[in-house]
Amino acid sequence: MSLLNEFYGALGQFVMYHLAVRELDPDRRLVVSVGEHTYEDILQRPAIRLAVAEERVPFLVVRLATEEIVRWTN
């Protein structure tokens, strides 16, 4: 499966979970956790950047080798 297809699947899951969480527990914040290199790769693609901005997807970006959080986006 391509990175683009995987992202579209993850975006769909995020949107559906976000709707459910917003309804059931509005104080809870849903974020997408992703590896640092994957995050950099996906945001180089204009269609993905647009979708992320439009859906306001927050990311928790992790350096996988050290399990260190390197970025938290809103």
N, C-alpha and C. Protein backbone atom coordinates (compact mmCIF):
# COMPACT_ATOMS: atom_id res chain seq x y z
N MET A 1 0.85 -1.17 0.00
CA MET A 1 0.00 0.00 0.00
C MET A 1 0.90 1.24 0.00
N SER A 2 0.53 2.23 -0.76
CA SER A 2 1.34 3.43 -0.87
C SER A 2 1.13 4.34 0.35
N LEU A 3 2.08 5.22 0.56
CA LEU A 3 1.98 6.18 1.66
C LEU A 3 0.73 7.03 1.52
N LEU A 4 0.41 7.42 0.30
CA LEU A 4 -0.77 8.24 0.06
C LEU A 4 -2.04 7.48 0.45
N ASN A 5 -2.15 6.23 0.06
CA ASN A 5 -3.32 5.43 0.43
C ASN A 5 -3.42 5.23 1.93
N GLU A 6 -2.28 4.99 2.57
CA GLU A 6 -2.28 4.83 4.02
C GLU A 6 -2.73 6.11 4.70
N PHE A 7 -2.27 7.25 4.18
CA PHE A 7 -2.67 8.51 4.78
C PHE A 7 -4.17 8.72 4.62
N TYR A 8 -4.71 8.46 3.45
CA TYR A 8 -6.15 8.64 3.24
C TYR A 8 -6.95 7.76 4.20
N GLY A 9 -6.49 6.55 4.43
CA GLY A 9 -7.16 5.67 5.40
C GLY A 9 -7.08 6.25 6.81
N ALA A 10 -5.91 6.76 7.18
CA ALA A 10 -5.73 7.35 8.50
C ALA A 10 -6.58 8.61 8.65
N LEU A 11 -6.66 9.41 7.60
CA LEU A 11 -7.47 10.63 7.64
C LEU A 11 -8.95 10.28 7.84
N GLY A 12 -9.41 9.28 7.12
CA GLY A 12 -10.80 8.85 7.29
C GLY A 12 -11.08 8.37 8.70
N GLN A 13 -10.15 7.61 9.27
CA GLN A 13 -10.31 7.15 10.65
C GLN A 13 -10.32 8.33 11.60
N PHE A 14 -9.41 9.29 11.38
CA PHE A 14 -9.35 10.45 12.25
C PHE A 14 -10.68 11.20 12.22
N VAL A 15 -11.21 11.44 11.04
CA VAL A 15 -12.46 12.19 10.92
C VAL A 15 -13.59 11.46 11.65
N MET A 16 -13.70 10.17 11.46
CA MET A 16 -14.77 9.41 12.11
C MET A 16 -14.61 9.38 13.63
N TYR A 17 -13.38 9.11 14.10
CA TYR A 17 -13.14 9.10 15.54
C TYR A 17 -13.36 10.49 16.13
N HIS A 18 -12.93 11.52 15.41
CA HIS A 18 -13.09 12.89 15.90
C HIS A 18 -14.57 13.21 16.09
N LEU A 19 -15.39 12.81 15.15
CA LEU A 19 -16.84 13.03 15.29
C LEU A 19 -17.39 12.31 16.52
N ALA A 20 -16.98 11.07 16.71
CA ALA A 20 -17.48 10.29 17.85
C ALA A 20 -16.98 10.87 19.17
N VAL A 21 -15.70 11.20 19.24
CA VAL A 21 -15.14 11.75 20.47
C VAL A 21 -15.77 13.10 20.79
N ARG A 22 -15.95 13.91 19.79
CA ARG A 22 -16.57 15.23 20.00
C ARG A 22 -17.98 15.08 20.59
N GLU A 23 -18.69 14.05 20.16
CA GLU A 23 -20.05 13.83 20.65
C GLU A 23 -20.05 13.21 22.06
N LEU A 24 -19.19 12.23 22.29
CA LEU A 24 -19.21 11.48 23.55
C LEU A 24 -18.39 12.09 24.67
N ASP A 25 -17.30 12.77 24.30
CA ASP A 25 -16.40 13.33 25.32
C ASP A 25 -15.75 14.60 24.76
N PRO A 26 -16.51 15.69 24.72
CA PRO A 26 -16.05 16.90 24.04
C PRO A 26 -14.78 17.52 24.62
N ASP A 27 -14.41 17.17 25.85
CA ASP A 27 -13.18 17.72 26.44
C ASP A 27 -11.92 16.96 26.03
N ARG A 28 -12.11 15.82 25.39
CA ARG A 28 -10.97 15.00 24.97
C ARG A 28 -10.46 15.49 23.63
N ARG A 29 -9.13 15.48 23.46
CA ARG A 29 -8.52 15.93 22.21
C ARG A 29 -7.92 14.73 21.48
N LEU A 30 -8.24 14.59 20.23
CA LEU A 30 -7.75 13.49 19.41
C LEU A 30 -6.60 13.99 18.55
N VAL A 31 -5.49 13.26 18.53
CA VAL A 31 -4.34 13.62 17.71
C VAL A 31 -3.87 12.39 16.93
N VAL A 32 -3.11 12.62 15.87
CA VAL A 32 -2.54 11.55 15.06
C VAL A 32 -1.05 11.50 15.40
N SER A 33 -0.60 10.34 15.84
CA SER A 33 0.81 10.15 16.14
C SER A 33 1.49 9.54 14.92
N VAL A 34 2.64 10.11 14.57
CA VAL A 34 3.33 9.67 13.35
C VAL A 34 4.84 9.84 13.54
N GLY A 35 5.60 8.99 12.88
CA GLY A 35 7.05 9.10 12.91
C GLY A 35 7.52 10.37 12.20
N GLU A 36 8.65 10.87 12.63
CA GLU A 36 9.21 12.13 12.12
C GLU A 36 9.41 12.11 10.60
N HIS A 37 9.99 11.05 10.08
CA HIS A 37 10.27 10.99 8.64
C HIS A 37 8.99 10.88 7.82
N THR A 38 8.04 10.13 8.32
CA THR A 38 6.75 10.01 7.64
C THR A 38 6.05 11.36 7.61
N TYR A 39 6.07 12.07 8.72
CA TYR A 39 5.44 13.39 8.79
C TYR A 39 6.04 14.33 7.75
N GLU A 40 7.37 14.36 7.69
CA GLU A 40 8.04 15.23 6.72
C GLU A 40 7.70 14.84 5.29
N ASP A 41 7.62 13.55 5.03
CA ASP A 41 7.31 13.07 3.68
C ASP A 41 5.88 13.42 3.27
N ILE A 42 4.91 13.17 4.16
CA ILE A 42 3.53 13.41 3.76
C ILE A 42 3.23 14.89 3.56
N LEU A 43 3.86 15.75 4.34
CA LEU A 43 3.56 17.17 4.21
C LEU A 43 4.22 17.81 3.00
N GLN A 44 5.05 17.07 2.29
CA GLN A 44 5.62 17.57 1.04
C GLN A 44 4.63 17.41 -0.11
N ARG A 45 3.57 16.70 0.12
CA ARG A 45 2.57 16.43 -0.91
C ARG A 45 1.42 17.44 -0.78
N PRO A 46 1.19 18.25 -1.82
CA PRO A 46 0.19 19.31 -1.74
C PRO A 46 -1.21 18.83 -1.35
N ALA A 47 -1.64 17.71 -1.88
CA ALA A 47 -2.99 17.22 -1.57
C ALA A 47 -3.12 16.87 -0.09
N ILE A 48 -2.07 16.32 0.47
CA ILE A 48 -2.10 15.96 1.89
C ILE A 48 -2.05 17.21 2.75
N ARG A 49 -1.20 18.16 2.39
CA ARG A 49 -1.14 19.42 3.14
C ARG A 49 -2.51 20.09 3.18
N LEU A 50 -3.18 20.09 2.05
CA LEU A 50 -4.51 20.69 1.97
C LEU A 50 -5.50 19.95 2.88
N ALA A 51 -5.49 18.63 2.83
CA ALA A 51 -6.41 17.84 3.66
C ALA A 51 -6.14 18.06 5.14
N VAL A 52 -4.88 18.09 5.52
CA VAL A 52 -4.50 18.30 6.92
C VAL A 52 -4.97 19.68 7.39
N ALA A 53 -4.78 20.68 6.55
CA ALA A 53 -5.21 22.03 6.92
C ALA A 53 -6.73 22.12 6.98
N GLU A 54 -7.40 21.54 6.01
CA GLU A 54 -8.86 21.62 5.94
C GLU A 54 -9.52 20.91 7.12
N GLU A 55 -9.01 19.75 7.48
CA GLU A 55 -9.59 18.97 8.58
C GLU A 55 -8.99 19.34 9.94
N ARG A 56 -8.01 20.22 9.92
CA ARG A 56 -7.32 20.66 11.15
C ARG A 56 -6.83 19.47 11.97
N VAL A 57 -6.04 18.63 11.32
CA VAL A 57 -5.53 17.42 11.95
C VAL A 57 -4.31 17.77 12.82
N PRO A 58 -4.40 17.54 14.13
CA PRO A 58 -3.25 17.76 14.99
C PRO A 58 -2.35 16.52 14.99
N PHE A 59 -1.05 16.76 14.96
CA PHE A 59 -0.08 15.66 14.94
C PHE A 59 0.81 15.67 16.17
N LEU A 60 1.14 14.49 16.63
CA LEU A 60 2.19 14.26 17.61
C LEU A 60 3.29 13.56 16.82
N VAL A 61 4.40 14.26 16.59
CA VAL A 61 5.47 13.74 15.73
C VAL A 61 6.56 13.18 16.63
N VAL A 62 6.94 11.92 16.37
CA VAL A 62 7.86 11.20 17.24
C VAL A 62 9.11 10.78 16.47
N ARG A 63 10.27 10.96 17.11
CA ARG A 63 11.52 10.39 16.58
C ARG A 63 11.53 8.95 17.08
N LEU A 64 11.30 8.03 16.16
CA LEU A 64 11.07 6.64 16.53
C LEU A 64 12.27 5.98 17.21
N ALA A 65 13.47 6.33 16.79
CA ALA A 65 14.67 5.69 17.35
C ALA A 65 14.80 5.95 18.85
N THR A 66 14.39 7.13 19.29
CA THR A 66 14.53 7.50 20.71
C THR A 66 13.19 7.63 21.42
N GLU A 67 12.11 7.48 20.67
CA GLU A 67 10.75 7.64 21.20
C GLU A 67 10.54 9.03 21.80
N GLU A 68 11.22 10.00 21.22
CA GLU A 68 11.15 11.39 21.66
C GLU A 68 10.12 12.15 20.84
N ILE A 69 9.29 12.94 21.51
CA ILE A 69 8.36 13.81 20.80
C ILE A 69 9.15 14.99 20.26
N VAL A 70 9.08 15.19 18.93
CA VAL A 70 9.84 16.27 18.32
C VAL A 70 8.96 17.43 17.86
N ARG A 71 7.66 17.18 17.78
CA ARG A 71 6.75 18.24 17.34
C ARG A 71 5.34 17.89 17.77
N TRP A 72 4.61 18.94 18.14
CA TRP A 72 3.20 18.79 18.47
C TRP A 72 2.51 19.89 17.70
N THR A 73 1.64 19.53 16.77
CA THR A 73 0.98 20.54 15.95
C THR A 73 -0.46 20.72 16.41
N ASN A 74 -1.01 21.85 16.06
CA ASN A 74 -2.42 22.11 16.38
C ASN A 74 -3.17 21.93 15.13
